[in-house]
Amino acid sequence: MFPFLYAPTYEYPLSGDVIQGISPSFSWEMEGIPEVEYEVCTTVASYGKQLGKITEALLFIAEQSNLAGPEIDALREIAAGVEAAKLRARDAARERLRKAEERVAKLEAVRGDT
């Protein structure tokens, strides 16, 4: 018989499930109505989409009004960083697609399909 009835389980940082949902979770401490906030974020526009439209509008107004300053420059840098991230994500998706197409072609060659 095993002399120990309890065997401890050790979990180190990042050793378990590290998947995190990005859907907003709302608590009653927030301003507004949580049900409405959840509905807007899940069916109308995410926070990123909302902020993107606001950023585009502010930069458009700044350009039309010839406004300048460190805040406008910082907003332009943020917008450029977001665009660069979108391009990297697009390129990564295209690379995954290319590799998937290569795998399909190899499988078709093995089966004799064309």
C-alpha atoms as a PDB file:
ATOM      1  CA  MET A   1       0.000   0.000   0.000  1.00  0.00           C
ATOM      2  CA  PHE A   2       1.164   3.518  -0.862  1.00  0.00           C
ATOM      3  CA  PRO A   3       2.114   5.255   2.402  1.00  0.00           C
ATOM      4  CA  PHE A   4       0.941   8.701   1.250  1.00  0.00           C
ATOM      5  CA  LEU A   5      -2.712   9.408   0.664  1.00  0.00           C
ATOM      6  CA  TYR A   6      -2.079  12.883  -0.716  1.00  0.00           C
ATOM      7  CA  ALA A   7       0.237  13.722  -3.553  1.00  0.00           C
ATOM      8  CA  PRO A   8       0.682  17.477  -3.999  1.00  0.00           C
ATOM      9  CA  THR A   9       0.236  19.008  -7.413  1.00  0.00           C
ATOM     10  CA  TYR A  10       2.584  21.799  -8.370  1.00  0.00           C
ATOM     11  CA  GLU A  11       1.622  24.370 -10.965  1.00  0.00           C
ATOM     12  CA  TYR A  12       4.288  26.743 -12.077  1.00  0.00           C
ATOM     13  CA  PRO A  13       3.591  30.081 -13.751  1.00  0.00           C
ATOM     14  CA  LEU A  14       2.187  29.594 -17.248  1.00  0.00           C
ATOM     15  CA  SER A  15       2.090  25.809 -16.770  1.00  0.00           C
ATOM     16  CA  GLY A  16      -1.678  25.547 -16.942  1.00  0.00           C
ATOM     17  CA  ASP A  17      -4.290  26.897 -19.303  1.00  0.00           C
ATOM     18  CA  VAL A  18      -3.257  30.367 -20.386  1.00  0.00           C
ATOM     19  CA  ILE A  19      -6.095  31.093 -22.776  1.00  0.00           C
ATOM     20  CA  GLN A  20      -7.833  34.352 -22.035  1.00  0.00           C
ATOM     21  CA  GLY A  21     -11.033  35.519 -23.634  1.00  0.00           C
ATOM     22  CA  ILE A  22     -11.059  39.106 -24.811  1.00  0.00           C
ATOM     23  CA  SER A  23     -14.791  39.603 -24.546  1.00  0.00           C
ATOM     24  CA  PRO A  24     -15.437  42.365 -22.084  1.00  0.00           C
ATOM     25  CA  SER A  25     -16.632  41.347 -18.686  1.00  0.00           C
ATOM     26  CA  PHE A  26     -18.718  43.917 -16.940  1.00  0.00           C
ATOM     27  CA  SER A  27     -19.257  44.507 -13.275  1.00  0.00           C
ATOM     28  CA  TRP A  28     -21.785  46.616 -11.472  1.00  0.00           C
ATOM     29  CA  GLU A  29     -19.120  49.163 -10.447  1.00  0.00           C
ATOM     30  CA  MET A  30     -18.856  50.553 -13.982  1.00  0.00           C
ATOM     31  CA  GLU A  31     -20.725  53.544 -15.289  1.00  0.00           C
ATOM     32  CA  GLY A  32     -23.630  52.871 -17.588  1.00  0.00           C
ATOM     33  CA  ILE A  33     -25.679  49.744 -17.941  1.00  0.00           C
ATOM     34  CA  PRO A  34     -23.548  46.571 -18.158  1.00  0.00           C
ATOM     35  CA  GLU A  35     -26.086  44.751 -20.352  1.00  0.00           C
ATOM     36  CA  VAL A  36     -26.025  47.610 -22.864  1.00  0.00           C
ATOM     37  CA  GLU A  37     -22.214  47.806 -22.814  1.00  0.00           C
ATOM     38  CA  TYR A  38     -21.949  44.060 -23.440  1.00  0.00           C
ATOM     39  CA  GLU A  39     -24.497  44.225 -26.281  1.00  0.00           C
ATOM     40  CA  VAL A  40     -22.663  47.120 -27.952  1.00  0.00           C
ATOM     41  CA  CYS A  41     -19.241  45.479 -27.683  1.00  0.00           C
ATOM     42  CA  THR A  42     -20.413  42.112 -28.950  1.00  0.00           C
ATOM     43  CA  THR A  43     -22.846  43.142 -31.695  1.00  0.00           C
ATOM     44  CA  VAL A  44     -22.105  46.722 -32.766  1.00  0.00           C
ATOM     45  CA  ALA A  45     -18.411  47.548 -32.453  1.00  0.00           C
ATOM     46  CA  SER A  46     -15.556  46.388 -30.248  1.00  0.00           C
ATOM     47  CA  TYR A  47     -13.558  48.851 -28.191  1.00  0.00           C
ATOM     48  CA  GLY A  48     -10.811  48.748 -30.801  1.00  0.00           C
ATOM     49  CA  LYS A  49     -13.218  49.543 -33.632  1.00  0.00           C
ATOM     50  CA  GLN A  50     -14.712  52.420 -31.644  1.00  0.00           C
ATOM     51  CA  LEU A  51     -11.290  53.834 -30.760  1.00  0.00           C
ATOM     52  CA  GLY A  52     -10.121  53.443 -34.350  1.00  0.00           C
ATOM     53  CA  LYS A  53     -13.019  55.521 -35.662  1.00  0.00           C
ATOM     54  CA  ILE A  54     -12.439  58.197 -33.019  1.00  0.00           C
ATOM     55  CA  THR A  55      -8.720  58.288 -33.867  1.00  0.00           C
ATOM     56  CA  GLU A  56      -9.469  58.602 -37.598  1.00  0.00           C
ATOM     57  CA  ALA A  57     -11.922  61.432 -36.948  1.00  0.00           C
ATOM     58  CA  LEU A  58      -9.521  63.318 -34.671  1.00  0.00           C
ATOM     59  CA  LEU A  59      -6.633  63.005 -37.113  1.00  0.00           C
ATOM     60  CA  PHE A  60      -8.896  64.126 -39.972  1.00  0.00           C
ATOM     61  CA  ILE A  61      -9.998  67.198 -38.015  1.00  0.00           C
ATOM     62  CA  ALA A  62      -6.395  67.951 -37.023  1.00  0.00           C
ATOM     63  CA  GLU A  63      -5.295  67.716 -40.654  1.00  0.00           C
ATOM     64  CA  GLN A  64      -8.140  69.881 -41.961  1.00  0.00           C
ATOM     65  CA  SER A  65      -7.529  72.493 -39.254  1.00  0.00           C
ATOM     66  CA  ASN A  66      -3.730  72.413 -39.569  1.00  0.00           C
ATOM     67  CA  LEU A  67      -3.405  71.533 -35.890  1.00  0.00           C
ATOM     68  CA  ALA A  68      -0.034  70.455 -34.579  1.00  0.00           C
ATOM     69  CA  GLY A  69       1.414  69.537 -31.248  1.00  0.00           C
ATOM     70  CA  PRO A  70       2.827  66.680 -29.242  1.00  0.00           C
ATOM     71  CA  GLU A  71      -0.614  65.170 -28.591  1.00  0.00           C
ATOM     72  CA  ILE A  72      -1.430  65.048 -32.306  1.00  0.00           C
ATOM     73  CA  ASP A  73       2.010  63.588 -33.035  1.00  0.00           C
ATOM     74  CA  ALA A  74       1.526  60.935 -30.356  1.00  0.00           C
ATOM     75  CA  LEU A  75      -1.893  60.055 -31.797  1.00  0.00           C
ATOM     76  CA  ARG A  76      -0.354  59.735 -35.272  1.00  0.00           C
ATOM     77  CA  GLU A  77       2.328  57.408 -33.854  1.00  0.00           C
ATOM     78  CA  ILE A  78      -0.332  55.267 -32.203  1.00  0.00           C
ATOM     79  CA  ALA A  79      -2.339  55.098 -35.436  1.00  0.00           C
ATOM     80  CA  ALA A  80       0.810  54.162 -37.382  1.00  0.00           C
ATOM     81  CA  GLY A  81       1.620  51.444 -34.826  1.00  0.00           C
ATOM     82  CA  VAL A  82      -1.878  50.009 -35.142  1.00  0.00           C
ATOM     83  CA  GLU A  83      -1.583  49.948 -38.934  1.00  0.00           C
ATOM     84  CA  ALA A  84       1.813  48.240 -38.700  1.00  0.00           C
ATOM     85  CA  ALA A  85       0.333  45.599 -36.372  1.00  0.00           C
ATOM     86  CA  LYS A  86      -2.516  45.020 -38.836  1.00  0.00           C
ATOM     87  CA  LEU A  87      -0.031  44.571 -41.677  1.00  0.00           C
ATOM     88  CA  ARG A  88       2.045  42.100 -39.646  1.00  0.00           C
ATOM     89  CA  ALA A  89      -1.087  40.133 -38.790  1.00  0.00           C
ATOM     90  CA  ARG A  90      -2.141  40.106 -42.452  1.00  0.00           C
ATOM     91  CA  ASP A  91       1.299  38.932 -43.565  1.00  0.00           C
ATOM     92  CA  ALA A  92       1.320  36.189 -40.915  1.00  0.00           C
ATOM     93  CA  ALA A  93      -2.130  35.026 -42.034  1.00  0.00           C
ATOM     94  CA  ARG A  94      -0.982  34.955 -45.666  1.00  0.00           C
ATOM     95  CA  GLU A  95       2.050  32.886 -44.675  1.00  0.00           C
ATOM     96  CA  ARG A  96      -0.169  30.409 -42.794  1.00  0.00           C
ATOM     97  CA  LEU A  97      -2.413  30.225 -45.868  1.00  0.00           C
ATOM     98  CA  ARG A  98       0.574  29.599 -48.137  1.00  0.00           C
ATOM     99  CA  LYS A  99       1.799  26.776 -45.893  1.00  0.00           C
ATOM    100  CA  ALA A 100      -1.688  25.263 -45.728  1.00  0.00           C
ATOM    101  CA  GLU A 101      -1.949  25.348 -49.523  1.00  0.00           C
ATOM    102  CA  GLU A 102       1.426  23.585 -49.757  1.00  0.00           C
ATOM    103  CA  ARG A 103       0.198  20.865 -47.376  1.00  0.00           C
ATOM    104  CA  VAL A 104      -2.977  20.419 -49.428  1.00  0.00           C
ATOM    105  CA  ALA A 105      -0.926  20.137 -52.610  1.00  0.00           C
ATOM    106  CA  LYS A 106       1.286  17.474 -50.995  1.00  0.00           C
ATOM    107  CA  LEU A 107      -1.746  15.522 -49.827  1.00  0.00           C
ATOM    108  CA  GLU A 108      -3.326  15.724 -53.264  1.00  0.00           C
ATOM    109  CA  ALA A 109      -0.087  14.506 -54.830  1.00  0.00           C
ATOM    110  CA  VAL A 110      -0.039  11.528 -52.479  1.00  0.00           C
ATOM    111  CA  ARG A 111      -3.640  10.647 -53.299  1.00  0.00           C
ATOM    112  CA  GLY A 112      -3.174  11.318 -56.984  1.00  0.00           C
ATOM    113  CA  ASP A 113      -5.795  14.095 -57.053  1.00  0.00           C
ATOM    114  CA  THR A 114      -5.269  17.188 -59.128  1.00  0.00           C
END
